[in-house]
């Protein structure tokens, strides 16, 4: 039985395109061209598998067509649904880079093993990402995703160790 935890989100269907069943996808991957290498994807939390027959690109979006559908009315049901790939089909990342979906809900501790909070989101920026950590009290902290501050990331156990500088853990 397929479990959503065994899949990675690679995009979100945001609209249709034309009348022949094409879908407009907002890519959620750093390697957008990967869509051309896919034979199929899984759609929605139901993880329905669909074969891809066509892929095209613009500056910001990917357009895909599923082999099974040839009419806009058949694909309207996919709007606002996420596209997934099986984890074993994810792209290979460089060392010390991680999938955001693997980091979310990680427990964050300082180097003294004091619990800081849970990683709830990642802001992607051109220079470096920023981890958004929420404490049990509801305070939020912004932690730059730099080796200077992030000392260890254990994706398997969902634990992140940080070494914050003075003032970093003041609530935002």
Protein backbone atom coordinates (compact mmCIF):
# COMPACT_ATOMS: atom_id res chain seq x y z
CA UNK A 1 0.00 0.00 0.00
CA UNK A 2 1.30 3.43 -0.95
CA UNK A 3 1.90 5.92 1.84
CA UNK A 4 2.25 9.64 1.17
CA UNK A 5 5.41 9.63 3.33
CA UNK A 6 7.13 7.56 0.63
CA UNK A 7 6.62 10.29 -1.99
CA UNK A 8 8.09 13.73 -2.70
CA UNK A 9 6.16 16.71 -4.03
CA UNK A 10 7.61 18.09 -7.27
CA UNK A 11 4.90 20.54 -8.28
CA UNK A 12 1.37 21.84 -7.96
CA UNK A 13 -1.19 21.88 -10.73
CA UNK A 14 -2.50 25.43 -10.78
CA UNK A 15 -4.61 25.50 -13.94
CA UNK A 16 -5.36 23.99 -17.31
CA UNK A 17 -3.95 25.14 -20.64
CA UNK A 18 -5.90 25.00 -23.87
CA UNK A 19 -8.74 22.60 -24.50
CA UNK A 20 -6.81 19.36 -25.12
CA UNK A 21 -6.13 18.41 -21.51
CA UNK A 22 -2.81 20.11 -20.80
CA UNK A 23 -2.07 21.16 -17.21
CA UNK A 24 -0.17 24.20 -15.96
CA UNK A 25 2.19 23.21 -13.13
CA UNK A 26 4.05 25.39 -10.65
CA UNK A 27 7.32 23.46 -10.23
CA UNK A 28 8.50 22.77 -6.68
CA UNK A 29 11.92 21.44 -7.54
CA UNK A 30 15.25 23.12 -8.14
CA UNK A 31 15.79 21.01 -11.27
CA UNK A 32 12.77 21.92 -13.37
CA UNK A 33 14.02 20.00 -16.40
CA UNK A 34 13.49 16.77 -14.47
CA UNK A 35 9.91 16.69 -15.74
CA UNK A 36 11.26 15.69 -19.16
CA UNK A 37 12.81 12.58 -17.61
CA UNK A 38 9.58 11.38 -15.99
CA UNK A 39 7.39 8.71 -17.54
CA UNK A 40 4.66 9.13 -14.93
CA UNK A 41 3.69 11.05 -11.80
CA UNK A 42 1.28 10.56 -8.93
CA UNK A 43 -1.50 13.11 -8.42
CA UNK A 44 -3.10 14.25 -5.17
CA UNK A 45 -3.10 12.62 -1.78
CA UNK A 46 -4.82 9.64 -3.39
CA UNK A 47 -1.54 9.11 -5.30
CA UNK A 48 -3.25 8.27 -8.57
CA UNK A 49 -0.64 7.30 -11.17
CA UNK A 50 -0.75 8.95 -14.61
CA UNK A 51 1.52 8.51 -17.61
CA UNK A 52 3.02 11.70 -19.05
CA UNK A 53 2.81 12.08 -22.83
CA UNK A 54 4.08 15.65 -23.26
CA UNK A 55 6.12 18.23 -21.31
CA UNK A 56 6.89 21.84 -22.21
CA UNK A 57 8.29 24.81 -20.32
CA UNK A 58 8.04 28.58 -19.97
CA UNK A 59 10.11 30.82 -17.71
CA UNK A 60 8.05 30.03 -14.61
CA UNK A 61 5.85 27.05 -15.37
CA UNK A 62 5.82 23.49 -16.64
CA UNK A 63 3.03 22.22 -18.86
CA UNK A 64 2.26 18.52 -18.85
CA UNK A 65 -0.24 16.31 -20.58
CA UNK A 66 -1.33 12.94 -19.34
CA UNK A 67 -1.71 10.18 -21.92
CA UNK A 68 -5.13 9.23 -20.56
CA UNK A 69 -6.82 12.62 -21.12
CA UNK A 70 -7.49 14.68 -24.25
CA UNK A 71 -10.10 17.16 -23.11
CA UNK A 72 -10.05 20.11 -20.71
CA UNK A 73 -13.19 18.83 -18.97
CA UNK A 74 -11.41 15.59 -18.04
CA UNK A 75 -8.52 17.35 -16.29
CA UNK A 76 -10.32 20.14 -14.41
CA UNK A 77 -10.45 17.81 -11.38
CA UNK A 78 -6.65 18.05 -11.05
CA UNK A 79 -6.53 21.80 -10.36
CA UNK A 80 -4.88 22.65 -7.02
CA UNK A 81 -3.51 19.11 -6.57
CA UNK A 82 0.13 18.29 -5.94
CA UNK A 83 2.31 16.13 -8.18
CA UNK A 84 4.46 13.48 -6.51
CA UNK A 85 7.25 11.09 -7.41
CA UNK A 86 8.24 8.03 -5.44
CA UNK A 87 11.12 8.78 -3.09
CA UNK A 88 13.37 6.30 -4.88
CA UNK A 89 12.88 8.39 -8.06
CA UNK A 90 13.90 11.67 -6.48
CA UNK A 91 16.83 13.52 -7.95
CA UNK A 92 20.15 12.98 -6.23
CA UNK A 93 21.24 15.96 -4.18
CA UNK A 94 24.71 17.29 -3.50
CA UNK A 95 26.21 16.65 -0.09
CA UNK A 96 24.77 18.89 2.63
CA UNK A 97 21.66 19.74 0.59
CA UNK A 98 18.23 18.48 1.55
CA UNK A 99 14.68 18.27 0.31
CA UNK A 100 12.56 20.82 2.15
CA UNK A 101 9.88 18.18 2.68
CA UNK A 102 12.47 16.07 4.56
CA UNK A 103 13.33 18.99 6.87
CA UNK A 104 9.82 20.11 7.78
CA UNK A 105 8.77 18.98 11.28
CA UNK A 106 12.38 18.35 12.36
CA UNK A 107 13.12 19.06 16.03
CA UNK A 108 15.68 21.82 16.44
CA UNK A 109 18.17 21.86 19.34
CA UNK A 110 21.15 24.05 20.16
CA UNK A 111 24.63 22.63 20.67
CA UNK A 112 23.88 22.38 24.42
CA UNK A 113 21.02 19.94 23.57
CA UNK A 114 18.35 22.46 24.60
CA UNK A 115 15.14 22.17 22.59
CA UNK A 116 14.47 25.28 20.48
CA UNK A 117 11.39 24.24 18.51
CA UNK A 118 10.17 22.61 15.33
CA UNK A 119 11.13 23.56 11.80
CA UNK A 120 7.83 24.64 10.24
CA UNK A 121 8.94 26.17 6.94
CA UNK A 122 11.92 27.10 4.79
CA UNK A 123 12.20 30.46 3.05
CA UNK A 124 14.13 30.01 -0.17
CA UNK A 125 16.38 32.94 -0.98
CA UNK A 126 18.99 33.47 -3.69
CA UNK A 127 21.90 33.68 -1.23
CA UNK A 128 20.84 31.10 1.36
CA UNK A 129 17.68 29.52 2.69
CA UNK A 130 16.27 30.47 6.07
CA UNK A 131 14.73 27.95 8.45
CA UNK A 132 11.60 29.07 10.27
CA UNK A 133 11.52 27.43 13.69
CA UNK A 134 8.49 27.61 15.97
CA UNK A 135 8.85 27.08 19.72
CA UNK A 136 6.27 25.35 21.92
CA UNK A 137 5.32 28.85 23.17
CA UNK A 138 4.48 29.94 19.62
CA UNK A 139 7.58 32.12 19.16
CA UNK A 140 9.16 31.95 15.70
CA UNK A 141 12.86 32.18 14.96
CA UNK A 142 14.67 32.70 11.67
CA UNK A 143 17.80 30.57 11.33
CA UNK A 144 20.02 31.12 8.26
CA UNK A 145 20.72 27.73 6.68
CA UNK A 146 24.48 28.19 6.79
CA UNK A 147 27.14 25.83 8.15
CA UNK A 148 28.13 28.65 10.49
CA UNK A 149 24.83 28.16 12.37
CA UNK A 150 23.48 24.74 11.29
CA UNK A 151 25.91 22.21 12.71
CA UNK A 152 24.09 18.95 12.01
CA UNK A 153 21.08 17.82 10.00
CA UNK A 154 19.84 14.30 10.67
CA UNK A 155 17.03 13.80 8.15
CA UNK A 156 16.39 10.20 9.18
CA UNK A 157 15.69 11.12 12.82
CA UNK A 158 14.34 14.59 11.96
CA UNK A 159 16.81 16.43 14.22
CA UNK A 160 18.70 19.65 13.48
CA UNK A 161 21.45 21.02 15.71
CA UNK A 162 22.17 24.76 15.54
CA UNK A 163 24.74 27.05 17.11
CA UNK A 164 22.90 30.37 17.33
CA UNK A 165 24.62 33.69 17.83
CA UNK A 166 23.43 36.20 20.39
CA UNK A 167 20.06 37.66 19.42
CA UNK A 168 19.25 34.98 16.86
CA UNK A 169 16.67 33.39 19.16
CA UNK A 170 14.80 36.59 19.85
CA UNK A 171 11.25 36.13 18.63
CA UNK A 172 10.30 37.74 15.33
